[in-house]
Amino acid sequence: MAILAQLIDDVVVHKFELSKNEISVGRHPSSDIQIEDASVSGQHACIRLKQNEHFPEYQEIYIEDLNSTNGTFVNEEAVTGMVRLHHNDTVRVAWNRFKLLDPSEADMEQTVHMIKR
């Protein structure tokens, strides 16, 4: 199962399992991933899990910014629309840093690499 690990000074301080098809991220108490920081909007971003069309046993992970004040970034690129996340991507929600840990995607990448040969 994929995990979004919150980092402070490159140390993991929280781990959030991505176990639902739609995960809300924000400051509001009803958020699935609640970030208590004034720079984070109440409803900041949404993470969506979708089945891979070629390998149904794997899920693809996407993030969408919900018109937040301070933005959502993947590998320091601003998120516009839905952006696919990959194993070891860095996600920034306002000024809060996370790392996506998805061992199943790492396995799938190896499988796809072998098929392409």
PDB file of N, CA and C in Angstrom:
ATOM      1  N   MET A   1       0.844  -1.187   0.000  1.00  0.00           N
ATOM      2  CA  MET A   1       0.000   0.000   0.000  1.00  0.00           C
ATOM      3  C   MET A   1       0.883   1.240   0.000  1.00  0.00           C
ATOM      4  N   ALA A   2       0.482   2.227  -0.764  1.00  0.00           N
ATOM      5  CA  ALA A   2       1.232   3.481  -0.862  1.00  0.00           C
ATOM      6  C   ALA A   2       1.078   4.294   0.418  1.00  0.00           C
ATOM      7  N   ILE A   3       2.132   5.035   0.718  1.00  0.00           N
ATOM      8  CA  ILE A   3       2.166   5.877   1.913  1.00  0.00           C
ATOM      9  C   ILE A   3       2.645   7.264   1.514  1.00  0.00           C
ATOM     10  N   LEU A   4       2.015   8.276   2.081  1.00  0.00           N
ATOM     11  CA  LEU A   4       2.491   9.642   1.950  1.00  0.00           C
ATOM     12  C   LEU A   4       3.155   9.978   3.278  1.00  0.00           C
ATOM     13  N   ALA A   5       4.480  10.140   3.248  1.00  0.00           N
ATOM     14  CA  ALA A   5       5.253  10.380   4.466  1.00  0.00           C
ATOM     15  C   ALA A   5       5.539  11.868   4.594  1.00  0.00           C
ATOM     16  N   GLN A   6       5.120  12.463   5.710  1.00  0.00           N
ATOM     17  CA  GLN A   6       5.387  13.874   5.943  1.00  0.00           C
ATOM     18  C   GLN A   6       6.804  14.030   6.468  1.00  0.00           C
ATOM     19  N   LEU A   7       7.529  14.993   5.890  1.00  0.00           N
ATOM     20  CA  LEU A   7       8.934  15.210   6.238  1.00  0.00           C
ATOM     21  C   LEU A   7       9.128  16.566   6.897  1.00  0.00           C
ATOM     22  N   ILE A   8       9.948  16.576   7.929  1.00  0.00           N
ATOM     23  CA  ILE A   8      10.439  17.823   8.511  1.00  0.00           C
ATOM     24  C   ILE A   8      11.946  17.661   8.612  1.00  0.00           C
ATOM     25  N   ASP A   9      12.675  18.538   7.941  1.00  0.00           N
ATOM     26  CA  ASP A   9      14.136  18.445   7.865  1.00  0.00           C
ATOM     27  C   ASP A   9      14.570  17.056   7.384  1.00  0.00           C
ATOM     28  N   ASP A  10      13.856  16.541   6.378  1.00  0.00           N
ATOM     29  CA  ASP A  10      14.126  15.229   5.761  1.00  0.00           C
ATOM     30  C   ASP A  10      13.969  14.040   6.705  1.00  0.00           C
ATOM     31  N   VAL A  11      13.232  14.237   7.805  1.00  0.00           N
ATOM     32  CA  VAL A  11      12.927  13.154   8.735  1.00  0.00           C
ATOM     33  C   VAL A  11      11.425  12.903   8.678  1.00  0.00           C
ATOM     34  N   VAL A  12      11.030  11.636   8.575  1.00  0.00           N
ATOM     35  CA  VAL A  12       9.613  11.284   8.522  1.00  0.00           C
ATOM     36  C   VAL A  12       8.993  11.501   9.899  1.00  0.00           C
ATOM     37  N   VAL A  13       7.951  12.357   9.948  1.00  0.00           N
ATOM     38  CA  VAL A  13       7.278  12.641  11.219  1.00  0.00           C
ATOM     39  C   VAL A  13       5.865  12.067  11.270  1.00  0.00           C
ATOM     40  N   HIS A  14       5.251  11.833  10.121  1.00  0.00           N
ATOM     41  CA  HIS A  14       3.929  11.211  10.040  1.00  0.00           C
ATOM     42  C   HIS A  14       3.870  10.363   8.776  1.00  0.00           C
ATOM     43  N   LYS A  15       3.089   9.285   8.844  1.00  0.00           N
ATOM     44  CA  LYS A  15       2.843   8.463   7.659  1.00  0.00           C
ATOM     45  C   LYS A  15       1.337   8.339   7.471  1.00  0.00           C
ATOM     46  N   PHE A  16       0.894   8.575   6.246  1.00  0.00           N
ATOM     47  CA  PHE A  16      -0.523   8.485   5.920  1.00  0.00           C
ATOM     48  C   PHE A  16      -0.700   7.404   4.859  1.00  0.00           C
ATOM     49  N   GLU A  17      -1.434   6.347   5.191  1.00  0.00           N
ATOM     50  CA  GLU A  17      -1.713   5.292   4.219  1.00  0.00           C
ATOM     51  C   GLU A  17      -2.742   5.790   3.214  1.00  0.00           C
ATOM     52  N   LEU A  18      -2.482   5.547   1.951  1.00  0.00           N
ATOM     53  CA  LEU A  18      -3.422   5.938   0.899  1.00  0.00           C
ATOM     54  C   LEU A  18      -4.306   4.727   0.627  1.00  0.00           C
ATOM     55  N   SER A  19      -5.353   4.604   1.424  1.00  0.00           N
ATOM     56  CA  SER A  19      -6.171   3.391   1.407  1.00  0.00           C
ATOM     57  C   SER A  19      -7.572   3.600   0.829  1.00  0.00           C
ATOM     58  N   LYS A  20      -7.912   4.845   0.488  1.00  0.00           N
ATOM     59  CA  LYS A  20      -9.224   5.129  -0.088  1.00  0.00           C
ATOM     60  C   LYS A  20      -9.048   5.609  -1.515  1.00  0.00           C
ATOM     61  N   ASN A  21     -10.106   5.514  -2.321  1.00  0.00           N
ATOM     62  CA  ASN A  21     -10.037   5.978  -3.707  1.00  0.00           C
ATOM     63  C   ASN A  21      -9.921   7.489  -3.812  1.00  0.00           C
ATOM     64  N   GLU A  22     -10.410   8.212  -2.817  1.00  0.00           N
ATOM     65  CA  GLU A  22     -10.326   9.672  -2.804  1.00  0.00           C
ATOM     66  C   GLU A  22      -9.947  10.125  -1.398  1.00  0.00           C
ATOM     67  N   ILE A  23      -8.869  10.893  -1.301  1.00  0.00           N
ATOM     68  CA  ILE A  23      -8.325  11.314  -0.013  1.00  0.00           C
ATOM     69  C   ILE A  23      -8.222  12.838  -0.017  1.00  0.00           C
ATOM     70  N   SER A  24      -8.890  13.465   0.945  1.00  0.00           N
ATOM     71  CA  SER A  24      -8.847  14.928   1.032  1.00  0.00           C
ATOM     72  C   SER A  24      -7.642  15.361   1.866  1.00  0.00           C
ATOM     73  N   VAL A  25      -7.037  16.466   1.443  1.00  0.00           N
ATOM     74  CA  VAL A  25      -5.870  17.026   2.122  1.00  0.00           C
ATOM     75  C   VAL A  25      -6.183  18.483   2.424  1.00  0.00           C
ATOM     76  N   GLY A  26      -6.013  18.882   3.691  1.00  0.00           N
ATOM     77  CA  GLY A  26      -6.263  20.272   4.030  1.00  0.00           C
ATOM     78  C   GLY A  26      -6.189  20.528   5.519  1.00  0.00           C
ATOM     79  N   ARG A  27      -6.484  21.752   5.885  1.00  0.00           N
ATOM     80  CA  ARG A  27      -6.447  22.170   7.290  1.00  0.00           C
ATOM     81  C   ARG A  27      -7.739  21.823   8.026  1.00  0.00           C
ATOM     82  N   HIS A  28      -8.835  21.663   7.289  1.00  0.00           N
ATOM     83  CA  HIS A  28     -10.133  21.395   7.915  1.00  0.00           C
ATOM     84  C   HIS A  28     -10.099  20.061   8.673  1.00  0.00           C
ATOM     85  N   PRO A  29     -10.720  20.004   9.862  1.00  0.00           N
ATOM     86  CA  PRO A  29     -10.710  18.770  10.661  1.00  0.00           C
ATOM     87  C   PRO A  29     -11.307  17.550   9.949  1.00  0.00           C
ATOM     88  N   SER A  30     -12.153  17.771   8.960  1.00  0.00           N
ATOM     89  CA  SER A  30     -12.749  16.624   8.261  1.00  0.00           C
ATOM     90  C   SER A  30     -11.814  16.051   7.180  1.00  0.00           C
ATOM     91  N   SER A  31     -10.667  16.675   6.943  1.00  0.00           N
ATOM     92  CA  SER A  31      -9.735  16.189   5.923  1.00  0.00           C
ATOM     93  C   SER A  31      -9.170  14.832   6.320  1.00  0.00           C
ATOM     94  N   ASP A  32      -9.001  13.956   5.330  1.00  0.00           N
ATOM     95  CA  ASP A  32      -8.385  12.652   5.593  1.00  0.00           C
ATOM     96  C   ASP A  32      -6.936  12.822   6.039  1.00  0.00           C
ATOM     97  N   ILE A  33      -6.237  13.761   5.395  1.00  0.00           N
ATOM     98  CA  ILE A  33      -4.889  14.136   5.819  1.00  0.00           C
ATOM     99  C   ILE A  33      -4.985  15.580   6.274  1.00  0.00           C
ATOM    100  N   GLN A  34      -5.081  15.756   7.595  1.00  0.00           N
ATOM    101  CA  GLN A  34      -5.240  17.090   8.152  1.00  0.00           C
ATOM    102  C   GLN A  34      -3.869  17.672   8.473  1.00  0.00           C
ATOM    103  N   ILE A  35      -3.614  18.877   7.974  1.00  0.00           N
ATOM    104  CA  ILE A  35      -2.355  19.566   8.213  1.00  0.00           C
ATOM    105  C   ILE A  35      -2.683  20.851   8.963  1.00  0.00           C
ATOM    106  N   GLU A  36      -2.307  20.898  10.222  1.00  0.00           N
ATOM    107  CA  GLU A  36      -2.609  22.056  11.057  1.00  0.00           C
ATOM    108  C   GLU A  36      -1.547  23.122  10.849  1.00  0.00           C
ATOM    109  N   ASP A  37      -1.713  23.889   9.782  1.00  0.00           N
ATOM    110  CA  ASP A  37      -0.773  24.936   9.402  1.00  0.00           C
ATOM    111  C   ASP A  37      -1.570  26.016   8.695  1.00  0.00           C
ATOM    112  N   ALA A  38      -1.402  27.261   9.116  1.00  0.00           N
ATOM    113  CA  ALA A  38      -2.171  28.369   8.552  1.00  0.00           C
ATOM    114  C   ALA A  38      -1.914  28.562   7.060  1.00  0.00           C
ATOM    115  N   SER A  39      -0.788  28.082   6.533  1.00  0.00           N
ATOM    116  CA  SER A  39      -0.493  28.241   5.107  1.00  0.00           C
ATOM    117  C   SER A  39      -1.259  27.237   4.242  1.00  0.00           C
ATOM    118  N   VAL A  40      -1.886  26.243   4.877  1.00  0.00           N
ATOM    119  CA  VAL A  40      -2.650  25.212   4.169  1.00  0.00           C
ATOM    120  C   VAL A  40      -4.116  25.616   4.143  1.00  0.00           C
ATOM    121  N   SER A  41      -4.730  25.555   2.969  1.00  0.00           N
ATOM    122  CA  SER A  41      -6.153  25.885   2.838  1.00  0.00           C
ATOM    123  C   SER A  41      -7.008  24.814   3.506  1.00  0.00           C
ATOM    124  N   GLY A  42      -8.232  25.187   3.864  1.00  0.00           N
ATOM    125  CA  GLY A  42      -9.153  24.240   4.494  1.00  0.00           C
ATOM    126  C   GLY A  42      -9.345  22.994   3.645  1.00  0.00           C
ATOM    127  N   GLN A  43      -9.596  23.181   2.365  1.00  0.00           N
ATOM    128  CA  GLN A  43      -9.686  22.085   1.392  1.00  0.00           C
ATOM    129  C   GLN A  43      -8.618  22.358   0.346  1.00  0.00           C
ATOM    130  N   HIS A  44      -7.434  21.841   0.577  1.00  0.00           N
ATOM    131  CA  HIS A  44      -6.250  22.221  -0.191  1.00  0.00           C
ATOM    132  C   HIS A  44      -6.056  21.379  -1.457  1.00  0.00           C
ATOM    133  N   ALA A  45      -6.131  20.056  -1.308  1.00  0.00           N
ATOM    134  CA  ALA A  45      -5.846  19.163  -2.441  1.00  0.00           C
ATOM    135  C   ALA A  45      -6.629  17.873  -2.285  1.00  0.00           C
ATOM    136  N   CYS A  46      -6.655  17.100  -3.366  1.00  0.00           N
ATOM    137  CA  CYS A  46      -7.321  15.794  -3.350  1.00  0.00           C
ATOM    138  C   CYS A  46      -6.390  14.782  -4.002  1.00  0.00           C
ATOM    139  N   ILE A  47      -6.249  13.637  -3.372  1.00  0.00           N
ATOM    140  CA  ILE A  47      -5.467  12.534  -3.929  1.00  0.00           C
ATOM    141  C   ILE A  47      -6.460  11.473  -4.384  1.00  0.00           C
ATOM    142  N   ARG A  48      -6.279  10.990  -5.617  1.00  0.00           N
ATOM    143  CA  ARG A  48      -7.181   9.972  -6.165  1.00  0.00           C
ATOM    144  C   ARG A  48      -6.387   8.744  -6.577  1.00  0.00           C
ATOM    145  N   LEU A  49      -6.922   7.579  -6.247  1.00  0.00           N
ATOM    146  CA  LEU A  49      -6.324   6.315  -6.660  1.00  0.00           C
ATOM    147  C   LEU A  49      -7.191   5.721  -7.756  1.00  0.00           C
ATOM    148  N   LYS A  50      -6.550   5.358  -8.877  1.00  0.00           N
ATOM    149  CA  LYS A  50      -7.273   4.781 -10.009  1.00  0.00           C
ATOM    150  C   LYS A  50      -6.567   3.509 -10.450  1.00  0.00           C
ATOM    151  N   GLN A  51      -7.353   2.545 -10.879  1.00  0.00           N
ATOM    152  CA  GLN A  51      -6.807   1.279 -11.345  1.00  0.00           C
ATOM    153  C   GLN A  51      -6.035   1.488 -12.655  1.00  0.00           C
ATOM    154  N   ASN A  52      -4.853   0.877 -12.760  1.00  0.00           N
ATOM    155  CA  ASN A  52      -4.067   0.940 -13.989  1.00  0.00           C
ATOM    156  C   ASN A  52      -4.791   0.156 -15.074  1.00  0.00           C
ATOM    157  N   GLU A  53      -4.943   0.760 -16.262  1.00  0.00           N
ATOM    158  CA  GLU A  53      -5.734   0.115 -17.317  1.00  0.00           C
ATOM    159  C   GLU A  53      -5.061  -1.122 -17.903  1.00  0.00           C
ATOM    160  N   HIS A  54      -3.726  -1.209 -17.851  1.00  0.00           N
ATOM    161  CA  HIS A  54      -3.020  -2.356 -18.423  1.00  0.00           C
ATOM    162  C   HIS A  54      -2.699  -3.435 -17.392  1.00  0.00           C
ATOM    163  N   PHE A  55      -2.502  -3.015 -16.144  1.00  0.00           N
ATOM    164  CA  PHE A  55      -2.191  -3.938 -15.058  1.00  0.00           C
ATOM    165  C   PHE A  55      -3.176  -3.673 -13.926  1.00  0.00           C
ATOM    166  N   PRO A  56      -4.365  -4.295 -13.990  1.00  0.00           N
ATOM    167  CA  PRO A  56      -5.433  -3.960 -13.031  1.00  0.00           C
ATOM    168  C   PRO A  56      -5.085  -4.225 -11.561  1.00  0.00           C
ATOM    169  N   GLU A  57      -4.053  -5.004 -11.312  1.00  0.00           N
ATOM    170  CA  GLU A  57      -3.680  -5.257  -9.917  1.00  0.00           C
ATOM    171  C   GLU A  57      -2.929  -4.078  -9.300  1.00  0.00           C
ATOM    172  N   TYR A  58      -2.587  -3.077 -10.126  1.00  0.00           N
ATOM    173  CA  TYR A  58      -1.875  -1.898  -9.652  1.00  0.00           C
ATOM    174  C   TYR A  58      -2.773  -0.669  -9.729  1.00  0.00           C
ATOM    175  N   GLN A  59      -2.508   0.263  -8.809  1.00  0.00           N
ATOM    176  CA  GLN A  59      -3.247   1.526  -8.823  1.00  0.00           C
ATOM    177  C   GLN A  59      -2.303   2.670  -9.158  1.00  0.00           C
ATOM    178  N   GLU A  60      -2.833   3.651  -9.857  1.00  0.00           N
ATOM    179  CA  GLU A  60      -2.106   4.878 -10.144  1.00  0.00           C
ATOM    180  C   GLU A  60      -2.606   5.934  -9.167  1.00  0.00           C
ATOM    181  N   ILE A  61      -1.709   6.821  -8.769  1.00  0.00           N
ATOM    182  CA  ILE A  61      -2.042   7.832  -7.777  1.00  0.00           C
ATOM    183  C   ILE A  61      -1.924   9.207  -8.427  1.00  0.00           C
ATOM    184  N   TYR A  62      -2.962  10.010  -8.254  1.00  0.00           N
ATOM    185  CA  TYR A  62      -3.012  11.358  -8.826  1.00  0.00           C
ATOM    186  C   TYR A  62      -3.271  12.357  -7.712  1.00  0.00           C
ATOM    187  N   ILE A  63      -2.798  13.586  -7.903  1.00  0.00           N
ATOM    188  CA  ILE A  63      -3.095  14.664  -6.962  1.00  0.00           C
ATOM    189  C   ILE A  63      -3.622  15.854  -7.748  1.00  0.00           C
ATOM    190  N   GLU A  64      -4.557  16.558  -7.128  1.00  0.00           N
ATOM    191  CA  GLU A  64      -5.153  17.743  -7.744  1.00  0.00           C
ATOM    192  C   GLU A  64      -5.206  18.851  -6.699  1.00  0.00           C
ATOM    193  N   ASP A  65      -4.767  20.040  -7.077  1.00  0.00           N
ATOM    194  CA  ASP A  65      -4.879  21.200  -6.202  1.00  0.00           C
ATOM    195  C   ASP A  65      -6.312  21.721  -6.304  1.00  0.00           C
ATOM    196  N   LEU A  66      -6.893  22.088  -5.174  1.00  0.00           N
ATOM    197  CA  LEU A  66      -8.284  22.554  -5.152  1.00  0.00           C
ATOM    198  C   LEU A  66      -8.346  24.076  -5.023  1.00  0.00           C
ATOM    199  N   ASN A  67      -7.624  24.766  -5.907  1.00  0.00           N
ATOM    200  CA  ASN A  67      -7.570  26.232  -5.898  1.00  0.00           C
ATOM    201  C   ASN A  67      -7.117  26.784  -4.553  1.00  0.00           C
ATOM    202  N   SER A  68      -6.100  26.145  -3.983  1.00  0.00           N
ATOM    203  CA  SER A  68      -5.567  26.562  -2.686  1.00  0.00           C
ATOM    204  C   SER A  68      -4.853  27.906  -2.808  1.00  0.00           C
ATOM    205  N   THR A  69      -4.677  28.561  -1.688  1.00  0.00           N
ATOM    206  CA  THR A  69      -4.002  29.852  -1.669  1.00  0.00           C
ATOM    207  C   THR A  69      -2.504  29.714  -1.952  1.00  0.00           C
ATOM    208  N   ASN A  70      -1.850  28.739  -1.336  1.00  0.00           N
ATOM    209  CA  ASN A  70      -0.393  28.615  -1.430  1.00  0.00           C
ATOM    210  C   ASN A  70       0.085  27.463  -2.308  1.00  0.00           C
ATOM    211  N   GLY A  71      -0.823  26.814  -3.007  1.00  0.00           N
ATOM    212  CA  GLY A  71      -0.450  25.837  -4.015  1.00  0.00           C
ATOM    213  C   GLY A  71      -0.043  24.462  -3.533  1.00  0.00           C
ATOM    214  N   THR A  72      -0.029  23.548  -4.506  1.00  0.00           N
ATOM    215  CA  THR A  72       0.420  22.174  -4.333  1.00  0.00           C
ATOM    216  C   THR A  72       1.482  21.948  -5.399  1.00  0.00           C
ATOM    217  N   PHE A  73       2.561  21.263  -5.029  1.00  0.00           N
ATOM    218  CA  PHE A  73       3.687  21.083  -5.935  1.00  0.00           C
ATOM    219  C   PHE A  73       4.145  19.629  -5.922  1.00  0.00           C
ATOM    220  N   VAL A  74       4.543  19.132  -7.082  1.00  0.00           N
ATOM    221  CA  VAL A  74       5.138  17.800  -7.200  1.00  0.00           C
ATOM    222  C   VAL A  74       6.532  18.008  -7.764  1.00  0.00           C
ATOM    223  N   ASN A  75       7.530  17.586  -7.010  1.00  0.00           N
ATOM    224  CA  ASN A  75       8.931  17.791  -7.387  1.00  0.00           C
ATOM    225  C   ASN A  75       9.182  19.255  -7.757  1.00  0.00           C
ATOM    226  N   GLU A  76       8.573  20.150  -6.953  1.00  0.00           N
ATOM    227  CA  GLU A  76       8.689  21.613  -7.069  1.00  0.00           C
ATOM    228  C   GLU A  76       8.043  22.194  -8.323  1.00  0.00           C
ATOM    229  N   GLU A  77       7.238  21.409  -9.035  1.00  0.00           N
ATOM    230  CA  GLU A  77       6.449  21.910 -10.166  1.00  0.00           C
ATOM    231  C   GLU A  77       5.017  22.133  -9.674  1.00  0.00           C
ATOM    232  N   ALA A  78       4.460  23.296  -9.942  1.00  0.00           N
ATOM    233  CA  ALA A  78       3.094  23.597  -9.504  1.00  0.00           C
ATOM    234  C   ALA A  78       2.110  22.625 -10.146  1.00  0.00           C
ATOM    235  N   VAL A  79       1.169  22.154  -9.355  1.00  0.00           N
ATOM    236  CA  VAL A  79       0.140  21.233  -9.834  1.00  0.00           C
ATOM    237  C   VAL A  79      -0.977  22.048 -10.483  1.00  0.00           C
ATOM    238  N   THR A  80      -1.249  21.745 -11.742  1.00  0.00           N
ATOM    239  CA  THR A  80      -2.414  22.302 -12.437  1.00  0.00           C
ATOM    240  C   THR A  80      -3.157  21.115 -13.006  1.00  0.00           C
ATOM    241  N   GLY A  81      -4.425  21.025 -12.733  1.00  0.00           N
ATOM    242  CA  GLY A  81      -5.182  19.841 -13.130  1.00  0.00           C
ATOM    243  C   GLY A  81      -4.775  18.668 -12.253  1.00  0.00           C
ATOM    244  N   MET A  82      -4.919  17.474 -12.798  1.00  0.00           N
ATOM    245  CA  MET A  82      -4.515  16.266 -12.061  1.00  0.00           C
ATOM    246  C   MET A  82      -3.125  15.843 -12.527  1.00  0.00           C
ATOM    247  N   VAL A  83      -2.254  15.575 -11.562  1.00  0.00           N
ATOM    248  CA  VAL A  83      -0.885  15.181 -11.852  1.00  0.00           C
ATOM    249  C   VAL A  83      -0.642  13.801 -11.261  1.00  0.00           C
ATOM    250  N   ARG A  84      -0.065  12.916 -12.074  1.00  0.00           N
ATOM    251  CA  ARG A  84       0.225  11.557 -11.604  1.00  0.00           C
ATOM    252  C   ARG A  84       1.442  11.582 -10.691  1.00  0.00           C
ATOM    253  N   LEU A  85       1.333  10.862  -9.594  1.00  0.00           N
ATOM    254  CA  LEU A  85       2.436  10.732  -8.651  1.00  0.00           C
ATOM    255  C   LEU A  85       3.148   9.404  -8.889  1.00  0.00           C
ATOM    256  N   HIS A  86       4.444   9.403  -8.639  1.00  0.00           N
ATOM    257  CA  HIS A  86       5.264   8.206  -8.794  1.00  0.00           C
ATOM    258  C   HIS A  86       6.057   7.967  -7.511  1.00  0.00           C
ATOM    259  N   HIS A  87       6.469   6.729  -7.330  1.00  0.00           N
ATOM    260  CA  HIS A  87       7.281   6.334  -6.184  1.00  0.00           C
ATOM    261  C   HIS A  87       8.451   7.310  -6.014  1.00  0.00           C
ATOM    262  N   ASN A  88       8.645   7.792  -4.803  1.00  0.00           N
ATOM    263  CA  ASN A  88       9.710   8.722  -4.411  1.00  0.00           C
ATOM    264  C   ASN A  88       9.492  10.168  -4.852  1.00  0.00           C
ATOM    265  N   ASP A  89       8.334  10.505  -5.415  1.00  0.00           N
ATOM    266  CA  ASP A  89       8.056  11.903  -5.722  1.00  0.00           C
ATOM    267  C   ASP A  89       7.965  12.699  -4.425  1.00  0.00           C
ATOM    268  N   THR A  90       8.370  13.963  -4.494  1.00  0.00           N
ATOM    269  CA  THR A  90       8.207  14.882  -3.379  1.00  0.00           C
ATOM    270  C   THR A  90       6.969  15.726  -3.648  1.00  0.00           C
ATOM    271  N   VAL A  91       6.082  15.787  -2.668  1.00  0.00           N
ATOM    272  CA  VAL A  91       4.855  16.566  -2.771  1.00  0.00           C
ATOM    273  C   VAL A  91       4.949  17.676  -1.727  1.00  0.00           C
ATOM    274  N   ARG A  92       4.643  18.900  -2.159  1.00  0.00           N
ATOM    275  CA  ARG A  92       4.629  20.015  -1.217  1.00  0.00           C
ATOM    276  C   ARG A  92       3.231  20.602  -1.198  1.00  0.00           C
ATOM    277  N   VAL A  93       2.643  20.657  -0.012  1.00  0.00           N
ATOM    278  CA  VAL A  93       1.328  21.254   0.214  1.00  0.00           C
ATOM    279  C   VAL A  93       1.595  22.546   0.984  1.00  0.00           C
ATOM    280  N   ALA A  94       1.469  23.675   0.281  1.00  0.00           N
ATOM    281  CA  ALA A  94       1.924  24.972   0.815  1.00  0.00           C
ATOM    282  C   ALA A  94       3.405  24.818   1.147  1.00  0.00           C
ATOM    283  N   TRP A  95       3.781  24.854   2.434  1.00  0.00           N
ATOM    284  CA  TRP A  95       5.204  24.722   2.809  1.00  0.00           C
ATOM    285  C   TRP A  95       5.488  23.399   3.488  1.00  0.00           C
ATOM    286  N   ASN A  96       4.557  22.448   3.436  1.00  0.00           N
ATOM    287  CA  ASN A  96       4.704  21.144   4.086  1.00  0.00           C
ATOM    288  C   ASN A  96       5.140  20.107   3.063  1.00  0.00           C
ATOM    289  N   ARG A  97       6.242  19.421   3.359  1.00  0.00           N
ATOM    290  CA  ARG A  97       6.821  18.458   2.412  1.00  0.00           C
ATOM    291  C   ARG A  97       6.439  17.026   2.764  1.00  0.00           C
ATOM    292  N   PHE A  98       6.185  16.257   1.702  1.00  0.00           N
ATOM    293  CA  PHE A  98       5.844  14.839   1.819  1.00  0.00           C
ATOM    294  C   PHE A  98       6.633  14.066   0.760  1.00  0.00           C
ATOM    295  N   LYS A  99       6.759  12.765   0.977  1.00  0.00           N
ATOM    296  CA  LYS A  99       7.363  11.886  -0.022  1.00  0.00           C
ATOM    297  C   LYS A  99       6.407  10.719  -0.226  1.00  0.00           C
ATOM    298  N   LEU A 100       6.155  10.394  -1.507  1.00  0.00           N
ATOM    299  CA  LEU A 100       5.294   9.253  -1.824  1.00  0.00           C
ATOM    300  C   LEU A 100       6.148   7.995  -1.828  1.00  0.00           C
ATOM    301  N   LEU A 101       5.736   7.026  -1.042  1.00  0.00           N
ATOM    302  CA  LEU A 101       6.399   5.729  -0.988  1.00  0.00           C
ATOM    303  C   LEU A 101       5.406   4.689  -1.493  1.00  0.00           C
ATOM    304  N   ASP A 102       5.680   4.157  -2.670  1.00  0.00           N
ATOM    305  CA  ASP A 102       4.760   3.206  -3.308  1.00  0.00           C
ATOM    306  C   ASP A 102       5.548   2.017  -3.850  1.00  0.00           C
ATOM    307  N   PRO A 103       5.814   1.022  -2.996  1.00  0.00           N
ATOM    308  CA  PRO A 103       6.604  -0.129  -3.432  1.00  0.00           C
ATOM    309  C   PRO A 103       5.959  -0.901  -4.585  1.00  0.00           C
ATOM    310  N   SER A 104       4.635  -0.901  -4.674  1.00  0.00           N
ATOM    311  CA  SER A 104       3.980  -1.633  -5.773  1.00  0.00           C
ATOM    312  C   SER A 104       4.288  -0.979  -7.110  1.00  0.00           C
ATOM    313  N   GLU A 105       4.405   0.368  -7.149  1.00  0.00           N
ATOM    314  CA  GLU A 105       4.746   1.022  -8.406  1.00  0.00           C
ATOM    315  C   GLU A 105       6.186   0.709  -8.792  1.00  0.00           C
ATOM    316  N   ALA A 106       7.066   0.626  -7.811  1.00  0.00           N
ATOM    317  CA  ALA A 106       8.454   0.268  -8.101  1.00  0.00           C
ATOM    318  C   ALA A 106       8.495  -1.127  -8.731  1.00  0.00           C
ATOM    319  N   ASP A 107       7.692  -2.063  -8.204  1.00  0.00           N
ATOM    320  CA  ASP A 107       7.605  -3.415  -8.787  1.00  0.00           C
ATOM    321  C   ASP A 107       7.058  -3.360 -10.200  1.00  0.00           C
ATOM    322  N   MET A 108       6.010  -2.546 -10.428  1.00  0.00           N
ATOM    323  CA  MET A 108       5.409  -2.447 -11.746  1.00  0.00           C
ATOM    324  C   MET A 108       6.409  -1.875 -12.757  1.00  0.00           C
ATOM    325  N   GLU A 109       7.204  -0.887 -12.345  1.00  0.00           N
ATOM    326  CA  GLU A 109       8.197  -0.314 -13.247  1.00  0.00           C
ATOM    327  C   GLU A 109       9.203  -1.362 -13.700  1.00  0.00           C
ATOM    328  N   GLN A 110       9.589  -2.248 -12.784  1.00  0.00           N
ATOM    329  CA  GLN A 110      10.510  -3.318 -13.149  1.00  0.00           C
ATOM    330  C   GLN A 110       9.854  -4.268 -14.144  1.00  0.00           C
ATOM    331  N   THR A 111       8.577  -4.584 -13.944  1.00  0.00           N
ATOM    332  CA  THR A 111       7.852  -5.472 -14.841  1.00  0.00           C
ATOM    333  C   THR A 111       7.739  -4.854 -16.221  1.00  0.00           C
ATOM    334  N   VAL A 112       7.376  -3.592 -16.302  1.00  0.00           N
ATOM    335  CA  VAL A 112       7.234  -2.915 -17.582  1.00  0.00           C
ATOM    336  C   VAL A 112       8.581  -2.859 -18.299  1.00  0.00           C
ATOM    337  N   HIS A 113       9.651  -2.614 -17.546  1.00  0.00           N
ATOM    338  CA  HIS A 113      10.989  -2.565 -18.140  1.00  0.00           C
ATOM    339  C   HIS A 113      11.334  -3.920 -18.764  1.00  0.00           C
ATOM    340  N   MET A 114      10.977  -4.999 -18.094  1.00  0.00           N
ATOM    341  CA  MET A 114      11.262  -6.343 -18.622  1.00  0.00           C
ATOM    342  C   MET A 114      10.418  -6.630 -19.869  1.00  0.00           C
ATOM    343  N   ILE A 115       9.185  -6.148 -19.908  1.00  0.00           N
ATOM    344  CA  ILE A 115       8.305  -6.399 -21.046  1.00  0.00           C
ATOM    345  C   ILE A 115       8.807  -5.650 -22.271  1.00  0.00           C
ATOM    346  N   LYS A 116       9.367  -4.472 -22.101  1.00  0.00           N
ATOM    347  CA  LYS A 116       9.829  -3.648 -23.217  1.00  0.00           C
ATOM    348  C   LYS A 116      11.054  -4.235 -23.906  1.00  0.00           C
ATOM    349  N   ARG A 117      11.793  -5.083 -23.257  1.00  0.00           N
ATOM    350  CA  ARG A 117      13.011  -5.650 -23.844  1.00  0.00           C
ATOM    351  C   ARG A 117      12.722  -6.584 -24.977  1.00  0.00           C
TER     352      ARG A 117
END
